[in-house]
N, C-alpha and C. Protein backbone atom coordinates (compact mmCIF):
# COMPACT_ATOMS: atom_id res chain seq x y z
N MET A 1 97.80 75.84 68.68
CA MET A 1 97.12 75.89 69.97
C MET A 1 97.39 77.26 70.60
N GLY A 2 96.36 77.85 71.15
CA GLY A 2 96.52 79.14 71.82
C GLY A 2 97.13 78.99 73.20
N LEU A 3 97.58 80.10 73.72
CA LEU A 3 98.24 80.09 75.03
C LEU A 3 97.29 79.64 76.14
N ALA A 4 96.03 80.04 76.07
CA ALA A 4 95.06 79.62 77.10
C ALA A 4 94.97 78.10 77.15
N GLN A 5 94.89 77.46 76.00
CA GLN A 5 94.79 75.99 75.97
C GLN A 5 96.08 75.34 76.45
N GLU A 6 97.20 75.94 76.12
CA GLU A 6 98.49 75.40 76.57
C GLU A 6 98.59 75.47 78.10
N ILE A 7 98.18 76.59 78.68
CA ILE A 7 98.17 76.72 80.14
C ILE A 7 97.24 75.67 80.74
N ARG A 8 96.04 75.56 80.19
CA ARG A 8 95.06 74.58 80.68
C ARG A 8 95.61 73.15 80.60
N ASP A 9 96.17 72.79 79.47
CA ASP A 9 96.69 71.42 79.28
C ASP A 9 97.79 71.09 80.29
N ARG A 10 98.70 72.04 80.49
CA ARG A 10 99.81 71.79 81.41
C ARG A 10 99.33 71.65 82.86
N LEU A 11 98.39 72.50 83.25
CA LEU A 11 97.89 72.44 84.64
C LEU A 11 97.02 71.21 84.86
N GLU A 12 96.22 70.85 83.87
CA GLU A 12 95.42 69.63 83.99
C GLU A 12 96.33 68.41 84.09
N GLY A 13 97.38 68.38 83.29
CA GLY A 13 98.31 67.26 83.31
C GLY A 13 99.07 67.14 84.61
N ALA A 14 99.38 68.26 85.23
CA ALA A 14 100.19 68.25 86.45
C ALA A 14 99.35 68.02 87.71
N PHE A 15 98.12 68.54 87.73
CA PHE A 15 97.38 68.57 89.00
C PHE A 15 96.01 67.91 88.99
N GLN A 16 95.45 67.56 87.84
CA GLN A 16 94.10 67.03 87.76
C GLN A 16 93.14 67.87 88.61
N PRO A 17 93.03 69.15 88.32
CA PRO A 17 92.25 70.06 89.17
C PRO A 17 90.75 69.78 89.12
N THR A 18 90.09 70.10 90.23
CA THR A 18 88.63 70.02 90.28
C THR A 18 88.01 71.33 89.81
N VAL A 19 88.78 72.41 89.88
CA VAL A 19 88.38 73.71 89.36
C VAL A 19 89.56 74.25 88.57
N LEU A 20 89.30 74.73 87.37
CA LEU A 20 90.35 75.37 86.58
C LEU A 20 89.72 76.39 85.64
N GLU A 21 90.09 77.64 85.86
CA GLU A 21 89.69 78.73 84.97
C GLU A 21 90.96 79.42 84.51
N VAL A 22 91.08 79.60 83.23
CA VAL A 22 92.21 80.31 82.64
C VAL A 22 91.62 81.55 81.95
N ILE A 23 91.93 82.71 82.50
CA ILE A 23 91.28 83.95 82.07
C ILE A 23 92.33 84.90 81.48
N ASN A 24 92.10 85.29 80.25
CA ASN A 24 92.98 86.25 79.59
C ASN A 24 92.52 87.65 79.97
N GLU A 25 93.36 88.35 80.71
CA GLU A 25 93.05 89.72 81.16
C GLU A 25 93.86 90.76 80.39
N SER A 26 94.44 90.38 79.28
CA SER A 26 95.33 91.26 78.53
C SER A 26 94.64 92.54 78.07
N ALA A 27 93.38 92.45 77.69
CA ALA A 27 92.66 93.63 77.19
C ALA A 27 92.58 94.73 78.25
N LYS A 28 92.54 94.33 79.52
CA LYS A 28 92.49 95.31 80.62
C LYS A 28 93.79 96.10 80.74
N HIS A 29 94.85 95.57 80.15
CA HIS A 29 96.18 96.16 80.31
C HIS A 29 96.72 96.72 78.99
N SER A 30 95.87 96.84 78.01
CA SER A 30 96.28 97.35 76.70
C SER A 30 96.93 98.72 76.85
N GLY A 31 98.11 98.85 76.28
CA GLY A 31 98.84 100.11 76.33
C GLY A 31 99.64 100.33 77.59
N HIS A 32 99.55 99.43 78.53
CA HIS A 32 100.31 99.54 79.78
C HIS A 32 101.63 98.80 79.67
N ALA A 33 102.45 98.95 80.69
CA ALA A 33 103.73 98.23 80.74
C ALA A 33 103.48 96.73 80.62
N GLY A 34 104.27 96.10 79.83
CA GLY A 34 104.16 94.66 79.68
C GLY A 34 103.23 94.23 78.57
N ASP A 35 102.45 95.15 78.02
CA ASP A 35 101.57 94.82 76.90
C ASP A 35 102.43 94.75 75.65
N ASP A 36 102.60 93.54 75.13
CA ASP A 36 103.45 93.37 73.96
C ASP A 36 102.66 93.39 72.65
N GLY A 37 101.36 93.65 72.75
CA GLY A 37 100.52 93.70 71.57
C GLY A 37 100.00 92.35 71.11
N SER A 38 100.41 91.28 71.77
CA SER A 38 99.98 89.93 71.37
C SER A 38 98.57 89.61 71.81
N GLY A 39 98.08 90.33 72.82
CA GLY A 39 96.78 90.00 73.39
C GLY A 39 96.84 88.80 74.32
N GLU A 40 98.05 88.38 74.66
CA GLU A 40 98.25 87.21 75.53
C GLU A 40 99.36 87.47 76.55
N SER A 41 99.33 88.63 77.18
CA SER A 41 100.41 89.01 78.10
C SER A 41 100.02 88.91 79.57
N HIS A 42 98.74 89.06 79.88
CA HIS A 42 98.27 89.10 81.27
C HIS A 42 97.20 88.03 81.49
N TRP A 43 97.44 87.18 82.48
CA TRP A 43 96.56 86.03 82.70
C TRP A 43 96.19 85.90 84.17
N ARG A 44 95.03 85.30 84.41
CA ARG A 44 94.58 84.93 85.75
C ARG A 44 94.19 83.46 85.70
N VAL A 45 94.66 82.70 86.68
CA VAL A 45 94.31 81.29 86.79
C VAL A 45 93.65 81.07 88.15
N VAL A 46 92.48 80.44 88.11
CA VAL A 46 91.79 80.00 89.31
C VAL A 46 91.86 78.48 89.29
N ILE A 47 92.40 77.90 90.37
CA ILE A 47 92.62 76.46 90.38
C ILE A 47 92.37 75.88 91.77
N ALA A 48 91.81 74.70 91.79
CA ALA A 48 91.68 73.90 93.01
C ALA A 48 92.14 72.49 92.67
N ALA A 49 93.08 71.98 93.45
CA ALA A 49 93.62 70.65 93.21
C ALA A 49 94.14 70.07 94.52
N ALA A 50 93.88 68.81 94.73
CA ALA A 50 94.27 68.15 95.98
C ALA A 50 95.77 68.26 96.24
N ASP A 51 96.58 68.17 95.20
CA ASP A 51 98.04 68.22 95.38
C ASP A 51 98.52 69.57 95.89
N LEU A 52 97.73 70.61 95.69
CA LEU A 52 98.13 71.95 96.13
C LEU A 52 97.71 72.27 97.56
N VAL A 53 96.74 71.54 98.08
CA VAL A 53 96.18 71.83 99.41
C VAL A 53 97.22 71.86 100.52
N PRO A 54 98.10 70.86 100.64
CA PRO A 54 99.03 70.88 101.78
C PRO A 54 100.19 71.87 101.65
N LEU A 55 100.32 72.52 100.51
CA LEU A 55 101.46 73.41 100.27
C LEU A 55 101.20 74.81 100.80
N SER A 56 102.28 75.48 101.16
CA SER A 56 102.18 76.90 101.54
C SER A 56 101.84 77.70 100.29
N ARG A 57 101.46 78.95 100.48
CA ARG A 57 101.11 79.81 99.35
C ARG A 57 102.27 79.92 98.37
N ILE A 58 103.46 80.12 98.88
CA ILE A 58 104.64 80.26 98.02
C ILE A 58 104.92 78.96 97.28
N ASP A 59 104.81 77.83 97.98
CA ASP A 59 105.06 76.55 97.33
C ASP A 59 104.00 76.22 96.28
N ARG A 60 102.76 76.66 96.49
CA ARG A 60 101.72 76.48 95.47
C ARG A 60 102.09 77.24 94.20
N HIS A 61 102.52 78.47 94.38
CA HIS A 61 102.90 79.29 93.22
C HIS A 61 104.10 78.68 92.51
N ARG A 62 105.05 78.20 93.27
CA ARG A 62 106.23 77.56 92.67
C ARG A 62 105.83 76.32 91.88
N ALA A 63 104.93 75.52 92.44
CA ALA A 63 104.48 74.29 91.77
C ALA A 63 103.76 74.62 90.46
N ILE A 64 102.95 75.65 90.48
CA ILE A 64 102.23 76.04 89.26
C ILE A 64 103.20 76.57 88.22
N HIS A 65 104.15 77.40 88.63
CA HIS A 65 105.16 77.91 87.69
C HIS A 65 105.96 76.75 87.11
N LYS A 66 106.32 75.78 87.93
CA LYS A 66 107.08 74.62 87.44
C LYS A 66 106.26 73.83 86.44
N ALA A 67 104.97 73.63 86.73
CA ALA A 67 104.10 72.89 85.82
C ALA A 67 103.96 73.60 84.47
N LEU A 68 103.90 74.92 84.50
CA LEU A 68 103.79 75.67 83.26
C LEU A 68 105.10 75.65 82.48
N GLY A 69 106.21 75.62 83.18
CA GLY A 69 107.51 75.53 82.54
C GLY A 69 107.98 76.85 81.97
N PRO A 70 109.28 76.95 81.72
CA PRO A 70 109.86 78.20 81.23
C PRO A 70 109.33 78.62 79.86
N GLU A 71 108.87 77.65 79.05
CA GLU A 71 108.35 77.97 77.73
C GLU A 71 107.09 78.83 77.82
N VAL A 72 106.24 78.55 78.81
CA VAL A 72 105.02 79.33 78.99
C VAL A 72 105.30 80.57 79.83
N ILE A 73 105.97 80.40 80.95
CA ILE A 73 106.24 81.53 81.85
C ILE A 73 106.98 82.64 81.11
N GLY A 74 107.89 82.28 80.23
CA GLY A 74 108.66 83.27 79.49
C GLY A 74 107.82 84.10 78.53
N ARG A 75 106.62 83.64 78.21
CA ARG A 75 105.74 84.36 77.29
C ARG A 75 104.73 85.25 78.01
N LEU A 76 104.75 85.24 79.34
CA LEU A 76 103.79 86.00 80.13
C LEU A 76 104.44 87.23 80.72
N HIS A 77 103.68 88.31 80.81
CA HIS A 77 104.13 89.46 81.57
C HIS A 77 103.60 89.37 83.00
N ALA A 78 102.36 88.91 83.14
CA ALA A 78 101.74 88.83 84.46
C ALA A 78 100.89 87.58 84.55
N LEU A 79 100.97 86.93 85.71
CA LEU A 79 100.17 85.74 85.99
C LEU A 79 99.63 85.87 87.41
N ALA A 80 98.33 86.10 87.53
CA ALA A 80 97.67 86.16 88.83
C ALA A 80 97.14 84.78 89.15
N LEU A 81 97.43 84.29 90.35
CA LEU A 81 97.01 82.95 90.74
C LEU A 81 96.04 83.01 91.90
N GLU A 82 94.92 82.35 91.77
CA GLU A 82 93.95 82.18 92.84
C GLU A 82 93.84 80.68 93.08
N VAL A 83 94.46 80.23 94.17
CA VAL A 83 94.47 78.81 94.48
C VAL A 83 93.44 78.56 95.57
N GLN A 84 92.46 77.76 95.26
CA GLN A 84 91.41 77.44 96.21
C GLN A 84 91.79 76.17 96.95
N ALA A 85 91.75 76.25 98.28
CA ALA A 85 92.13 75.09 99.09
C ALA A 85 90.90 74.32 99.52
């Protein structure tokens, strides 16, 4: 399973989102700091989920990081989050 699917599966399992986009932006950062050559270092997630609505911005980010877990977070150099309320 690729990293995109793993991110998607974990977020769907944790939040049952109404919107979920998992976008690999690694190609935009090729040759820059954090590019490990894997093609899976830089990601953007767009998500909307009822469980995230009442949380502050920081708590939303914490909840998403927790849902992804250290196994996924440890493999990322950058994770941009767009949480739609």
